[in-house]
PDB file of N, CA and C in Angstrom:
ATOM      1  N   MET A   1     105.047 219.631  68.344  1.00  0.00           N
ATOM      2  CA  MET A   1     105.115 220.428  69.542  1.00  0.00           C
ATOM      3  C   MET A   1     106.256 219.994  70.459  1.00  0.00           C
ATOM      4  N   PRO A   2     106.552 218.714  70.616  1.00  0.00           N
ATOM      5  CA  PRO A   2     107.640 218.332  71.513  1.00  0.00           C
ATOM      6  C   PRO A   2     108.970 218.990  71.155  1.00  0.00           C
ATOM      7  N   LYS A   3     109.275 219.151  69.851  1.00  0.00           N
ATOM      8  CA  LYS A   3     110.531 219.795  69.468  1.00  0.00           C
ATOM      9  C   LYS A   3     110.565 221.226  69.984  1.00  0.00           C
ATOM     10  N   MET A   4     109.460 221.938  69.871  1.00  0.00           N
ATOM     11  CA  MET A   4     109.395 223.315  70.357  1.00  0.00           C
ATOM     12  C   MET A   4     109.684 223.376  71.851  1.00  0.00           C
ATOM     13  N   MET A   5     109.069 222.487  72.592  1.00  0.00           N
ATOM     14  CA  MET A   5     109.203 222.500  74.045  1.00  0.00           C
ATOM     15  C   MET A   5     110.642 222.245  74.478  1.00  0.00           C
ATOM     16  N   LYS A   6     111.381 221.502  73.659  1.00  0.00           N
ATOM     17  CA  LYS A   6     112.775 221.200  73.981  1.00  0.00           C
ATOM     18  C   LYS A   6     113.739 222.232  73.415  1.00  0.00           C
ATOM     19  N   GLY A   7     113.216 223.214  72.672  1.00  0.00           N
ATOM     20  CA  GLY A   7     114.097 224.202  72.050  1.00  0.00           C
ATOM     21  C   GLY A   7     114.839 223.638  70.852  1.00  0.00           C
ATOM     22  N   ASP A   8     114.324 222.553  70.292  1.00  0.00           N
ATOM     23  CA  ASP A   8     114.942 221.918  69.126  1.00  0.00           C
ATOM     24  C   ASP A   8     114.335 222.518  67.865  1.00  0.00           C
ATOM     25  N   TYR A   9     115.126 223.294  67.142  1.00  0.00           N
ATOM     26  CA  TYR A   9     114.638 223.969  65.944  1.00  0.00           C
ATOM     27  C   TYR A   9     115.178 223.348  64.660  1.00  0.00           C
ATOM     28  N   GLU A  10     115.778 222.175  64.778  1.00  0.00           N
ATOM     29  CA  GLU A  10     116.278 221.511  63.578  1.00  0.00           C
ATOM     30  C   GLU A  10     115.091 221.068  62.730  1.00  0.00           C
ATOM     31  N   PRO A  11     115.282 221.124  61.424  1.00  0.00           N
ATOM     32  CA  PRO A  11     114.136 220.949  60.537  1.00  0.00           C
ATOM     33  C   PRO A  11     113.593 219.537  60.436  1.00  0.00           C
ATOM     34  N   GLY A  12     112.286 219.485  60.410  1.00  0.00           N
ATOM     35  CA  GLY A  12     111.544 218.357  59.891  1.00  0.00           C
ATOM     36  C   GLY A  12     111.073 218.839  58.521  1.00  0.00           C
ATOM     37  N   PHE A  13     110.586 220.080  58.529  1.00  0.00           N
ATOM     38  CA  PHE A  13     110.195 220.791  57.309  1.00  0.00           C
ATOM     39  C   PHE A  13     110.731 222.209  57.467  1.00  0.00           C
ATOM     40  N   ARG A  14     111.570 222.630  56.555  1.00  0.00           N
ATOM     41  CA  ARG A  14     112.254 223.921  56.680  1.00  0.00           C
ATOM     42  C   ARG A  14     111.295 225.104  56.553  1.00  0.00           C
ATOM     43  N   ALA A  15     111.573 226.116  57.356  1.00  0.00           N
ATOM     44  CA  ALA A  15     110.763 227.336  57.354  1.00  0.00           C
ATOM     45  C   ALA A  15     110.742 227.981  55.971  1.00  0.00           C
ATOM     46  N   ALA A  16     111.867 227.984  55.279  1.00  0.00           N
ATOM     47  CA  ALA A  16     111.931 228.593  53.942  1.00  0.00           C
ATOM     48  C   ALA A  16     111.013 227.871  52.959  1.00  0.00           C
ATOM     49  N   HIS A  17     110.870 226.559  53.116  1.00  0.00           N
ATOM     50  CA  HIS A  17     109.981 225.804  52.233  1.00  0.00           C
ATOM     51  C   HIS A  17     108.518 226.128  52.533  1.00  0.00           C
ATOM     52  N   LEU A  18     108.197 226.277  53.810  1.00  0.00           N
ATOM     53  CA  LEU A  18     106.822 226.643  54.154  1.00  0.00           C
ATOM     54  C   LEU A  18     106.502 228.039  53.631  1.00  0.00           C
ATOM     55  N   LYS A  19     107.469 228.945  53.713  1.00  0.00           N
ATOM     56  CA  LYS A  19     107.280 230.302  53.190  1.00  0.00           C
ATOM     57  C   LYS A  19     106.909 230.238  51.705  1.00  0.00           C
ATOM     58  N   LYS A  20     107.627 229.424  50.965  1.00  0.00           N
ATOM     59  CA  LYS A  20     107.352 229.264  49.529  1.00  0.00           C
ATOM     60  C   LYS A  20     105.943 228.720  49.311  1.00  0.00           C
ATOM     61  N   ASP A  21     105.565 227.712  50.070  1.00  0.00           N
ATOM     62  CA  ASP A  21     104.237 227.114  49.919  1.00  0.00           C
ATOM     63  C   ASP A  21     103.131 228.105  50.275  1.00  0.00           C
ATOM     64  N   LEU A  22     103.342 228.891  51.320  1.00  0.00           N
ATOM     65  CA  LEU A  22     102.356 229.903  51.700  1.00  0.00           C
ATOM     66  C   LEU A  22     102.199 230.944  50.594  1.00  0.00           C
ATOM     67  N   ARG A  23     103.318 231.323  50.000  1.00  0.00           N
ATOM     68  CA  ARG A  23     103.278 232.300  48.908  1.00  0.00           C
ATOM     69  C   ARG A  23     102.472 231.749  47.732  1.00  0.00           C
ATOM     70  N   TYR A  24     102.718 230.494  47.364  1.00  0.00           N
ATOM     71  CA  TYR A  24     101.960 229.872  46.270  1.00  0.00           C
ATOM     72  C   TYR A  24     100.464 229.814  46.598  1.00  0.00           C
ATOM     73  N   ALA A  25     100.143 229.476  47.828  1.00  0.00           N
ATOM     74  CA  ALA A  25      98.734 229.408  48.233  1.00  0.00           C
ATOM     75  C   ALA A  25      98.072 230.777  48.105  1.00  0.00           C
ATOM     76  N   LEU A  26      98.777 231.821  48.535  1.00  0.00           N
ATOM     77  CA  LEU A  26      98.210 233.169  48.441  1.00  0.00           C
ATOM     78  C   LEU A  26      98.074 233.629  46.993  1.00  0.00           C
ATOM     79  N   GLU A  27      99.056 233.299  46.166  1.00  0.00           N
ATOM     80  CA  GLU A  27      98.967 233.664  44.746  1.00  0.00           C
ATOM     81  C   GLU A  27      97.746 233.012  44.098  1.00  0.00           C
ATOM     82  N   THR A  28      97.533 231.747  44.393  1.00  0.00           N
ATOM     83  CA  THR A  28      96.382 231.034  43.834  1.00  0.00           C
ATOM     84  C   THR A  28      95.076 231.616  44.366  1.00  0.00           C
ATOM     85  N   ALA A  29      95.027 231.863  45.661  1.00  0.00           N
ATOM     86  CA  ALA A  29      93.820 232.432  46.262  1.00  0.00           C
ATOM     87  C   ALA A  29      93.509 233.804  45.673  1.00  0.00           C
ATOM     88  N   ASN A  30      94.540 234.604  45.472  1.00  0.00           N
ATOM     89  CA  ASN A  30      94.326 235.934  44.886  1.00  0.00           C
ATOM     90  C   ASN A  30      93.753 235.830  43.478  1.00  0.00           C
ATOM     91  N   LYS A  31      94.262 234.884  42.692  1.00  0.00           N
ATOM     92  CA  LYS A  31      93.746 234.689  41.332  1.00  0.00           C
ATOM     93  C   LYS A  31      92.277 234.282  41.345  1.00  0.00           C
ATOM     94  N   LEU A  32      91.890 233.555  42.383  1.00  0.00           N
ATOM     95  CA  LEU A  32      90.510 233.084  42.502  1.00  0.00           C
ATOM     96  C   LEU A  32      89.617 234.073  43.255  1.00  0.00           C
ATOM     97  N   GLY A  33      90.210 235.141  43.748  1.00  0.00           N
ATOM     98  CA  GLY A  33      89.439 236.129  44.496  1.00  0.00           C
ATOM     99  C   GLY A  33      89.038 235.677  45.886  1.00  0.00           C
ATOM    100  N   VAL A  34      89.841 234.790  46.463  1.00  0.00           N
ATOM    101  CA  VAL A  34      89.545 234.252  47.793  1.00  0.00           C
ATOM    102  C   VAL A  34      90.484 234.895  48.813  1.00  0.00           C
ATOM    103  N   PRO A  35      89.956 235.637  49.767  1.00  0.00           N
ATOM    104  CA  PRO A  35      90.824 236.240  50.776  1.00  0.00           C
ATOM    105  C   PRO A  35      91.281 235.197  51.803  1.00  0.00           C
ATOM    106  N   LEU A  36      92.553 235.229  52.113  1.00  0.00           N
ATOM    107  CA  LEU A  36      93.120 234.344  53.132  1.00  0.00           C
ATOM    108  C   LEU A  36      93.947 235.191  54.105  1.00  0.00           C
ATOM    109  N   PRO A  37      93.305 235.991  54.946  1.00  0.00           N
ATOM    110  CA  PRO A  37      94.056 236.891  55.815  1.00  0.00           C
ATOM    111  C   PRO A  37      94.967 236.175  56.812  1.00  0.00           C
ATOM    112  N   GLY A  38      94.529 235.054  57.336  1.00  0.00           N
ATOM    113  CA  GLY A  38      95.375 234.311  58.274  1.00  0.00           C
ATOM    114  C   GLY A  38      96.633 233.786  57.602  1.00  0.00           C
ATOM    115  N   THR A  39      96.486 233.332  56.377  1.00  0.00           N
ATOM    116  CA  THR A  39      97.636 232.843  55.612  1.00  0.00           C
ATOM    117  C   THR A  39      98.589 233.988  55.303  1.00  0.00           C
ATOM    118  N   ALA A  40      98.045 235.154  54.992  1.00  0.00           N
ATOM    119  CA  ALA A  40      98.881 236.323  54.703  1.00  0.00           C
ATOM    120  C   ALA A  40      99.698 236.728  55.930  1.00  0.00           C
ATOM    121  N   ILE A  41      99.079 236.704  57.097  1.00  0.00           N
ATOM    122  CA  ILE A  41      99.798 237.034  58.334  1.00  0.00           C
ATOM    123  C   ILE A  41     100.875 235.996  58.609  1.00  0.00           C
ATOM    124  N   THR A  42     100.534 234.736  58.417  1.00  0.00           N
ATOM    125  CA  THR A  42     101.509 233.663  58.637  1.00  0.00           C
ATOM    126  C   THR A  42     102.695 233.818  57.702  1.00  0.00           C
ATOM    127  N   LEU A  43     102.445 234.167  56.446  1.00  0.00           N
ATOM    128  CA  LEU A  43     103.537 234.384  55.496  1.00  0.00           C
ATOM    129  C   LEU A  43     104.439 235.512  55.977  1.00  0.00           C
ATOM    130  N   GLU A  44     103.877 236.586  56.483  1.00  0.00           N
ATOM    131  CA  GLU A  44     104.701 237.699  56.971  1.00  0.00           C
ATOM    132  C   GLU A  44     105.575 237.267  58.142  1.00  0.00           C
ATOM    133  N   LEU A  45     105.045 236.437  59.016  1.00  0.00           N
ATOM    134  CA  LEU A  45     105.852 235.932  60.131  1.00  0.00           C
ATOM    135  C   LEU A  45     107.014 235.078  59.620  1.00  0.00           C
ATOM    136  N   TYR A  46     106.740 234.221  58.652  1.00  0.00           N
ATOM    137  CA  TYR A  46     107.816 233.394  58.096  1.00  0.00           C
ATOM    138  C   TYR A  46     108.791 234.219  57.264  1.00  0.00           C
ATOM    139  N   ASN A  47     108.325 235.288  56.624  1.00  0.00           N
ATOM    140  CA  ASN A  47     109.247 236.208  55.946  1.00  0.00           C
ATOM    141  C   ASN A  47     110.231 236.783  56.956  1.00  0.00           C
ATOM    142  N   ALA A  48     109.731 237.188  58.118  1.00  0.00           N
ATOM    143  CA  ALA A  48     110.592 237.738  59.167  1.00  0.00           C
ATOM    144  C   ALA A  48     111.574 236.683  59.668  1.00  0.00           C
ATOM    145  N   LEU A  49     111.098 235.467  59.832  1.00  0.00           N
ATOM    146  CA  LEU A  49     111.958 234.382  60.304  1.00  0.00           C
ATOM    147  C   LEU A  49     113.094 234.123  59.319  1.00  0.00           C
ATOM    148  N   VAL A  50     112.767 234.055  58.047  1.00  0.00           N
ATOM    149  CA  VAL A  50     113.786 233.820  57.015  1.00  0.00           C
ATOM    150  C   VAL A  50     114.748 235.006  56.948  1.00  0.00           C
ATOM    151  N   ALA A  51     114.232 236.223  57.079  1.00  0.00           N
ATOM    152  CA  ALA A  51     115.083 237.417  57.053  1.00  0.00           C
ATOM    153  C   ALA A  51     116.083 237.413  58.206  1.00  0.00           C
ATOM    154  N   LYS A  52     115.745 236.754  59.291  1.00  0.00           N
ATOM    155  CA  LYS A  52     116.653 236.645  60.435  1.00  0.00           C
ATOM    156  C   LYS A  52     117.661 235.514  60.258  1.00  0.00           C
ATOM    157  N   GLY A  53     117.645 234.873  59.093  1.00  0.00           N
ATOM    158  CA  GLY A  53     118.605 233.807  58.826  1.00  0.00           C
ATOM    159  C   GLY A  53     118.191 232.454  59.360  1.00  0.00           C
ATOM    160  N   LEU A  54     116.916 232.278  59.665  1.00  0.00           N
ATOM    161  CA  LEU A  54     116.450 231.021  60.243  1.00  0.00           C
ATOM    162  C   LEU A  54     115.625 230.180  59.274  1.00  0.00           C
ATOM    163  N   GLY A  55     115.737 230.467  57.983  1.00  0.00           N
ATOM    164  CA  GLY A  55     114.981 229.725  56.985  1.00  0.00           C
ATOM    165  C   GLY A  55     115.364 228.268  56.882  1.00  0.00           C
ATOM    166  N   ASP A  56     116.576 227.929  57.323  1.00  0.00           N
ATOM    167  CA  ASP A  56     117.022 226.539  57.252  1.00  0.00           C
ATOM    168  C   ASP A  56     116.604 225.740  58.483  1.00  0.00           C
ATOM    169  N   LYS A  57     115.981 226.394  59.439  1.00  0.00           N
ATOM    170  CA  LYS A  57     115.488 225.697  60.634  1.00  0.00           C
ATOM    171  C   LYS A  57     114.085 225.171  60.361  1.00  0.00           C
ATOM    172  N   GLY A  58     113.599 224.353  61.267  1.00  0.00           N
ATOM    173  CA  GLY A  58     112.257 223.803  61.112  1.00  0.00           C
ATOM    174  C   GLY A  58     111.189 224.860  61.326  1.00  0.00           C
ATOM    175  N   THR A  59     109.981 224.540  60.898  1.00  0.00           N
ATOM    176  CA  THR A  59     108.882 225.498  61.032  1.00  0.00           C
ATOM    177  C   THR A  59     108.646 225.884  62.491  1.00  0.00           C
ATOM    178  N   GLN A  60     109.018 225.021  63.418  1.00  0.00           N
ATOM    179  CA  GLN A  60     108.840 225.319  64.833  1.00  0.00           C
ATOM    180  C   GLN A  60     109.750 226.451  65.308  1.00  0.00           C
ATOM    181  N   ALA A  61     110.709 226.862  64.484  1.00  0.00           N
ATOM    182  CA  ALA A  61     111.588 227.982  64.846  1.00  0.00           C
ATOM    183  C   ALA A  61     110.812 229.290  64.932  1.00  0.00           C
ATOM    184  N   LEU A  62     109.578 229.293  64.474  1.00  0.00           N
ATOM    185  CA  LEU A  62     108.742 230.481  64.615  1.00  0.00           C
ATOM    186  C   LEU A  62     108.622 230.868  66.090  1.00  0.00           C
ATOM    187  N   LEU A  63     108.721 229.895  66.971  1.00  0.00           N
ATOM    188  CA  LEU A  63     108.680 230.176  68.403  1.00  0.00           C
ATOM    189  C   LEU A  63     109.815 231.118  68.803  1.00  0.00           C
ATOM    190  N   ARG A  64     110.969 230.986  68.174  1.00  0.00           N
ATOM    191  CA  ARG A  64     112.089 231.892  68.466  1.00  0.00           C
ATOM    192  C   ARG A  64     111.723 233.328  68.121  1.00  0.00           C
ATOM    193  N   LEU A  65     111.029 233.518  67.005  1.00  0.00           N
ATOM    194  CA  LEU A  65     110.589 234.855  66.621  1.00  0.00           C
ATOM    195  C   LEU A  65     109.577 235.386  67.633  1.00  0.00           C
ATOM    196  N   TYR A  66     108.632 234.559  68.045  1.00  0.00           N
ATOM    197  CA  TYR A  66     107.654 234.971  69.059  1.00  0.00           C
ATOM    198  C   TYR A  66     108.358 235.389  70.345  1.00  0.00           C
ATOM    199  N   HIS A  67     109.345 234.608  70.757  1.00  0.00           N
ATOM    200  CA  HIS A  67     110.093 234.950  71.970  1.00  0.00           C
ATOM    201  C   HIS A  67     110.767 236.303  71.813  1.00  0.00           C
ATOM    202  N   GLU A  68     111.412 236.503  70.687  1.00  0.00           N
ATOM    203  CA  GLU A  68     112.107 237.763  70.451  1.00  0.00           C
ATOM    204  C   GLU A  68     111.127 238.940  70.460  1.00  0.00           C
ATOM    205  N   LEU A  69     110.018 238.796  69.770  1.00  0.00           N
ATOM    206  CA  LEU A  69     109.025 239.872  69.710  1.00  0.00           C
ATOM    207  C   LEU A  69     108.399 240.153  71.070  1.00  0.00           C
ATOM    208  N   SER A  70     108.349 239.135  71.929  1.00  0.00           N
ATOM    209  CA  SER A  70     107.739 239.269  73.253  1.00  0.00           C
ATOM    210  C   SER A  70     108.739 239.642  74.333  1.00  0.00           C
ATOM    211  N   GLY A  71     110.024 239.653  73.980  1.00  0.00           N
ATOM    212  CA  GLY A  71     111.049 239.952  74.972  1.00  0.00           C
ATOM    213  C   GLY A  71     111.346 238.797  75.907  1.00  0.00           C
ATOM    214  N   ILE A  72     110.987 237.580  75.495  1.00  0.00           N
ATOM    215  CA  ILE A  72     111.235 236.390  76.314  1.00  0.00           C
ATOM    216  C   ILE A  72     112.632 235.873  76.015  1.00  0.00           C
ATOM    217  N   LYS A  73     113.401 235.617  77.053  1.00  0.00           N
ATOM    218  CA  LYS A  73     114.743 235.048  76.894  1.00  0.00           C
ATOM    219  C   LYS A  73     114.627 233.538  76.812  1.00  0.00           C
ATOM    220  N   GLU A  74     115.390 232.957  75.888  1.00  0.00           N
ATOM    221  CA  GLU A  74     115.366 231.487  75.764  1.00  0.00           C
ATOM    222  C   GLU A  74     116.387 230.882  76.680  1.00  0.00           C
TER     223      GLU A  74
END
């Protein structure tokens, strides 16, 4: 959380890597017949983040997407 508060989006764990992990989790859950709606929504948010060219930033860069969607200026 401190990185987010400072506007520091440099990676500890890259958003693109989390996107991959979320996708694997959903694929496994689907095979097992386990619904994970929260994970599916989170994956869509990270898909949007990566599509904006921010996949190389840390997972906390999701805050930038929230700001953009909310009309908040950084």
